[in-house]
């Protein structure tokens, strides 16, 4: 049962941002992006789709800033998703909007 999310008109490069794929373990996603920034944003959106089944608007606006350094791009992706998972689990805080100010293969 794939969970496909259509892209908005501001991201015309792909038909979908991410899709849930069959996996023998828990759950898995295939993430799409035309560049690293788009890939990281879509990975965050995809992880949220697994954690939150229904978006509940919150009256309180919260922002968090994060700076990550990693030894390679794969580690940067893992660190990024781990940071978001930490806020969701420990602080019960799930973000629905993300902004990346700068990104390189080893820095976010």
N, C-alpha and C. Protein backbone atom coordinates (compact mmCIF):
# COMPACT_ATOMS: atom_id res chain seq x y z
N UNK A 1 0.82 -1.18 0.00
CA UNK A 1 0.00 0.00 0.00
C UNK A 1 0.87 1.25 0.00
N UNK A 2 1.31 1.70 -1.16
CA UNK A 2 2.16 2.87 -1.26
C UNK A 2 1.45 4.13 -0.79
N UNK A 3 2.23 5.00 -0.17
CA UNK A 3 1.73 6.29 0.28
C UNK A 3 2.41 7.34 -0.58
N UNK A 4 1.80 7.68 -1.70
CA UNK A 4 2.40 8.63 -2.63
C UNK A 4 1.90 10.03 -2.33
N UNK A 5 2.83 10.97 -2.37
CA UNK A 5 2.48 12.37 -2.15
C UNK A 5 2.84 13.12 -3.40
N UNK A 6 1.89 13.80 -3.98
CA UNK A 6 2.14 14.55 -5.20
C UNK A 6 2.92 15.82 -4.88
N UNK A 7 3.77 16.22 -5.79
CA UNK A 7 4.52 17.44 -5.60
C UNK A 7 3.66 18.64 -5.95
N UNK A 8 4.05 19.79 -5.43
CA UNK A 8 3.36 21.02 -5.79
C UNK A 8 3.95 21.54 -7.10
N UNK A 9 3.34 22.55 -7.64
CA UNK A 9 3.82 23.09 -8.91
C UNK A 9 5.18 23.76 -8.77
N UNK A 10 5.62 24.02 -7.54
CA UNK A 10 6.94 24.62 -7.35
C UNK A 10 8.05 23.59 -7.49
N UNK A 11 7.75 22.32 -7.53
CA UNK A 11 8.74 21.26 -7.69
C UNK A 11 8.36 20.40 -8.89
N UNK A 12 8.59 20.89 -10.12
CA UNK A 12 8.10 20.21 -11.31
C UNK A 12 8.93 19.03 -11.77
N UNK A 13 10.04 18.72 -11.12
CA UNK A 13 10.96 17.71 -11.66
C UNK A 13 10.49 16.27 -11.49
N UNK A 14 9.65 16.00 -10.51
CA UNK A 14 9.24 14.62 -10.23
C UNK A 14 7.73 14.53 -10.10
N UNK A 15 7.23 13.36 -10.34
CA UNK A 15 5.82 13.12 -10.14
C UNK A 15 5.48 13.02 -8.66
N UNK A 16 6.40 12.47 -7.85
CA UNK A 16 6.16 12.30 -6.43
C UNK A 16 7.40 12.70 -5.65
N UNK A 17 7.19 13.11 -4.38
CA UNK A 17 8.30 13.47 -3.49
C UNK A 17 8.90 12.22 -2.87
N UNK A 18 8.04 11.28 -2.51
CA UNK A 18 8.46 10.04 -1.88
C UNK A 18 7.34 9.02 -2.04
N UNK A 19 7.69 7.76 -1.83
CA UNK A 19 6.68 6.70 -1.85
C UNK A 19 7.07 5.63 -0.86
N UNK A 20 6.08 5.06 -0.22
CA UNK A 20 6.32 3.95 0.69
C UNK A 20 6.49 2.70 -0.16
N UNK A 21 7.51 1.92 0.16
CA UNK A 21 7.78 0.71 -0.60
C UNK A 21 7.74 -0.50 0.34
N UNK A 22 7.50 -1.65 -0.23
CA UNK A 22 7.46 -2.87 0.58
C UNK A 22 8.85 -3.19 1.08
N UNK A 23 8.90 -3.66 2.33
CA UNK A 23 10.17 -3.97 2.97
C UNK A 23 9.92 -5.05 4.00
N UNK A 24 10.87 -5.96 4.16
CA UNK A 24 10.68 -7.06 5.11
C UNK A 24 10.71 -6.59 6.55
N UNK A 25 11.39 -5.50 6.82
CA UNK A 25 11.44 -4.95 8.18
C UNK A 25 10.24 -4.02 8.37
N UNK A 26 10.39 -3.04 9.19
CA UNK A 26 9.31 -2.13 9.53
C UNK A 26 8.67 -1.50 8.28
N UNK A 27 9.05 -0.29 7.98
CA UNK A 27 8.54 0.41 6.81
C UNK A 27 9.70 1.08 6.10
N UNK A 28 9.53 1.32 4.81
CA UNK A 28 10.61 1.92 4.03
C UNK A 28 10.03 2.93 3.05
N UNK A 29 10.84 3.91 2.72
CA UNK A 29 10.45 4.94 1.76
C UNK A 29 11.49 5.04 0.65
N UNK A 30 11.03 5.35 -0.53
CA UNK A 30 11.93 5.73 -1.61
C UNK A 30 11.74 7.24 -1.75
N UNK A 31 12.84 7.98 -1.62
CA UNK A 31 12.80 9.44 -1.61
C UNK A 31 13.34 9.96 -2.94
N UNK A 32 12.69 10.98 -3.48
CA UNK A 32 13.10 11.58 -4.74
C UNK A 32 13.53 13.03 -4.50
N UNK A 33 14.41 13.52 -5.34
CA UNK A 33 14.81 14.91 -5.30
C UNK A 33 15.74 15.22 -6.46
N UNK A 34 15.61 16.40 -7.02
CA UNK A 34 16.46 16.77 -8.14
C UNK A 34 17.81 17.29 -7.68
N UNK A 35 17.93 17.56 -6.37
CA UNK A 35 19.20 17.97 -5.78
C UNK A 35 19.20 17.56 -4.31
N UNK A 36 20.30 17.78 -3.62
CA UNK A 36 20.43 17.34 -2.23
C UNK A 36 19.42 18.04 -1.33
N UNK A 37 19.22 19.33 -1.51
CA UNK A 37 18.27 20.06 -0.68
C UNK A 37 16.87 19.48 -0.81
N UNK A 38 16.43 19.25 -2.02
CA UNK A 38 15.10 18.69 -2.26
C UNK A 38 14.99 17.27 -1.68
N UNK A 39 16.05 16.50 -1.80
CA UNK A 39 16.06 15.15 -1.24
C UNK A 39 15.90 15.19 0.28
N UNK A 40 16.63 16.08 0.96
CA UNK A 40 16.53 16.19 2.42
C UNK A 40 15.14 16.65 2.85
N UNK A 41 14.59 17.61 2.14
CA UNK A 41 13.24 18.09 2.47
C UNK A 41 12.20 16.99 2.26
N UNK A 42 12.30 16.27 1.16
CA UNK A 42 11.35 15.19 0.88
C UNK A 42 11.51 14.03 1.86
N UNK A 43 12.73 13.79 2.31
CA UNK A 43 12.95 12.74 3.31
C UNK A 43 12.26 13.12 4.62
N UNK A 44 12.34 14.39 5.01
CA UNK A 44 11.65 14.85 6.22
C UNK A 44 10.14 14.72 6.07
N UNK A 45 9.61 15.10 4.93
CA UNK A 45 8.18 14.97 4.68
C UNK A 45 7.75 13.51 4.68
N UNK A 46 8.56 12.67 4.09
CA UNK A 46 8.25 11.24 4.06
C UNK A 46 8.24 10.63 5.45
N UNK A 47 9.25 10.96 6.26
CA UNK A 47 9.28 10.43 7.62
C UNK A 47 8.06 10.91 8.40
N UNK A 48 7.68 12.17 8.21
CA UNK A 48 6.48 12.67 8.88
C UNK A 48 5.24 11.89 8.47
N UNK A 49 5.17 11.50 7.21
CA UNK A 49 3.99 10.76 6.75
C UNK A 49 3.88 9.41 7.45
N UNK A 50 5.00 8.86 7.88
CA UNK A 50 4.98 7.59 8.61
C UNK A 50 4.61 7.80 10.09
N UNK A 51 4.99 8.96 10.63
CA UNK A 51 4.75 9.23 12.05
C UNK A 51 3.38 9.82 12.33
N UNK A 52 2.87 10.63 11.42
CA UNK A 52 1.64 11.38 11.66
C UNK A 52 0.62 11.00 10.60
N UNK A 53 -0.52 10.50 11.03
CA UNK A 53 -1.54 10.11 10.07
C UNK A 53 -2.48 11.26 9.72
N UNK A 54 -2.58 12.25 10.61
CA UNK A 54 -3.49 13.37 10.38
C UNK A 54 -2.84 14.64 10.90
N UNK A 55 -2.79 15.67 10.05
CA UNK A 55 -2.22 16.96 10.45
C UNK A 55 -3.22 17.69 11.33
N UNK A 56 -2.79 18.01 12.55
CA UNK A 56 -3.62 18.78 13.47
C UNK A 56 -3.00 20.16 13.62
N UNK A 57 -3.71 21.20 13.18
CA UNK A 57 -3.15 22.55 13.30
C UNK A 57 -2.89 22.91 14.76
N UNK A 58 -1.81 23.62 14.97
CA UNK A 58 -1.41 24.03 16.30
C UNK A 58 -1.41 25.56 16.34
N UNK A 59 -1.98 26.13 17.39
CA UNK A 59 -2.03 27.59 17.50
C UNK A 59 -0.65 28.17 17.79
N UNK A 60 0.21 27.39 18.38
CA UNK A 60 1.54 27.87 18.75
C UNK A 60 2.52 27.63 17.61
N UNK A 61 3.24 28.67 17.24
CA UNK A 61 4.25 28.59 16.19
C UNK A 61 5.61 28.35 16.84
N UNK A 62 6.29 27.30 16.45
CA UNK A 62 7.61 27.01 16.99
C UNK A 62 8.60 26.85 15.86
N UNK A 63 9.80 27.36 16.10
CA UNK A 63 10.89 27.20 15.15
C UNK A 63 12.07 26.56 15.86
N UNK A 64 12.78 25.74 15.14
CA UNK A 64 14.02 25.14 15.64
C UNK A 64 15.08 25.35 14.56
N UNK A 65 16.28 25.59 14.99
CA UNK A 65 17.39 25.75 14.07
C UNK A 65 18.38 24.63 14.34
N UNK A 66 18.92 24.08 13.27
CA UNK A 66 19.86 22.99 13.42
C UNK A 66 21.01 23.19 12.45
N UNK A 67 22.18 22.84 12.90
CA UNK A 67 23.35 22.84 12.04
C UNK A 67 24.02 21.49 12.21
N UNK A 68 24.24 20.80 11.10
CA UNK A 68 24.79 19.46 11.14
C UNK A 68 26.03 19.37 10.25
N UNK A 69 27.03 18.66 10.74
CA UNK A 69 28.20 18.30 9.95
C UNK A 69 28.32 16.79 9.97
N UNK A 70 28.64 16.22 8.83
CA UNK A 70 28.76 14.77 8.73
C UNK A 70 29.94 14.42 7.84
N UNK A 71 30.37 13.16 7.91
CA UNK A 71 31.53 12.76 7.12
C UNK A 71 31.18 12.50 5.65
N UNK A 72 29.88 12.26 5.35
CA UNK A 72 29.46 12.06 3.97
C UNK A 72 27.97 12.36 3.85
N UNK A 73 27.46 12.31 2.64
CA UNK A 73 26.07 12.67 2.38
C UNK A 73 25.10 11.70 3.05
N UNK A 74 25.40 10.42 3.03
CA UNK A 74 24.52 9.44 3.65
C UNK A 74 24.41 9.70 5.16
N UNK A 75 25.53 10.01 5.79
CA UNK A 75 25.52 10.32 7.22
C UNK A 75 24.75 11.60 7.50
N UNK A 76 24.84 12.56 6.60
CA UNK A 76 24.09 13.81 6.77
C UNK A 76 22.59 13.54 6.74
N UNK A 77 22.15 12.70 5.82
CA UNK A 77 20.73 12.33 5.75
C UNK A 77 20.29 11.64 7.04
N UNK A 78 21.08 10.69 7.52
CA UNK A 78 20.75 9.98 8.76
C UNK A 78 20.71 10.94 9.94
N UNK A 79 21.68 11.82 10.04
CA UNK A 79 21.71 12.79 11.14
C UNK A 79 20.51 13.72 11.09
N UNK A 80 20.12 14.17 9.91
CA UNK A 80 18.97 15.06 9.71
C UNK A 80 17.68 14.38 10.17
N UNK A 81 17.47 13.16 9.73
CA UNK A 81 16.25 12.45 10.12
C UNK A 81 16.28 12.07 11.60
N UNK A 82 17.45 11.77 12.13
CA UNK A 82 17.58 11.47 13.56
C UNK A 82 17.23 12.68 14.40
N UNK A 83 17.64 13.84 13.96
CA UNK A 83 17.32 15.08 14.68
C UNK A 83 15.81 15.31 14.71
N UNK A 84 15.16 15.13 13.59
CA UNK A 84 13.71 15.30 13.52
C UNK A 84 12.99 14.24 14.35
N UNK A 85 13.48 13.02 14.32
CA UNK A 85 12.88 11.95 15.12
C UNK A 85 13.04 12.23 16.61
N UNK A 86 14.17 12.78 17.00
CA UNK A 86 14.39 13.15 18.40
C UNK A 86 13.34 14.15 18.87
N UNK A 87 13.12 15.22 18.09
CA UNK A 87 12.13 16.22 18.48
C UNK A 87 10.74 15.62 18.55
N UNK A 88 10.43 14.71 17.64
CA UNK A 88 9.11 14.08 17.64
C UNK A 88 8.93 13.20 18.87
N UNK A 89 9.96 12.44 19.20
CA UNK A 89 9.84 11.49 20.31
C UNK A 89 9.98 12.15 21.67
N UNK A 90 10.97 13.00 21.85
CA UNK A 90 11.25 13.57 23.16
C UNK A 90 10.40 14.80 23.46
N UNK A 91 10.21 15.66 22.46
CA UNK A 91 9.47 16.90 22.69
C UNK A 91 8.06 16.88 22.12
N UNK A 92 7.65 15.75 21.51
CA UNK A 92 6.32 15.65 20.89
C UNK A 92 6.11 16.79 19.89
N UNK A 93 7.13 17.06 19.11
CA UNK A 93 7.13 18.18 18.19
C UNK A 93 7.41 17.66 16.78
N UNK A 94 6.42 17.76 15.91
CA UNK A 94 6.56 17.33 14.53
C UNK A 94 6.35 18.56 13.65
N UNK A 95 7.31 18.82 12.81
CA UNK A 95 7.25 19.99 11.93
C UNK A 95 6.60 19.63 10.61
N UNK A 96 5.89 20.59 10.05
CA UNK A 96 5.24 20.38 8.76
C UNK A 96 5.80 21.30 7.69
N UNK A 97 6.67 22.21 8.09
CA UNK A 97 7.36 23.08 7.15
C UNK A 97 8.84 23.07 7.48
N UNK A 98 9.65 23.07 6.43
CA UNK A 98 11.10 23.02 6.60
C UNK A 98 11.72 24.04 5.66
N UNK A 99 12.81 24.64 6.10
CA UNK A 99 13.57 25.56 5.26
C UNK A 99 15.04 25.25 5.46
N UNK A 100 15.71 25.00 4.38
CA UNK A 100 17.14 24.74 4.43
C UNK A 100 17.83 25.99 3.88
N UNK A 101 18.64 26.60 4.71
CA UNK A 101 19.32 27.83 4.30
C UNK A 101 20.55 27.55 3.45
N UNK A 102 21.30 26.52 3.79
CA UNK A 102 22.44 26.12 2.97
C UNK A 102 22.71 24.65 3.19
N UNK A 103 23.19 24.01 2.14
CA UNK A 103 23.48 22.57 2.22
C UNK A 103 24.65 22.24 1.31
N UNK A 104 25.47 21.32 1.78
CA UNK A 104 26.54 20.73 0.98
C UNK A 104 26.51 19.24 1.27
N UNK A 105 27.29 18.43 0.60
CA UNK A 105 27.26 16.99 0.85
C UNK A 105 27.60 16.60 2.29
N UNK A 106 28.22 17.49 3.05
CA UNK A 106 28.59 17.14 4.44
C UNK A 106 28.12 18.16 5.47
N UNK A 107 27.31 19.14 5.04
CA UNK A 107 26.88 20.19 5.99
C UNK A 107 25.45 20.63 5.69
N UNK A 108 24.70 20.84 6.76
CA UNK A 108 23.32 21.33 6.65
C UNK A 108 23.13 22.37 7.73
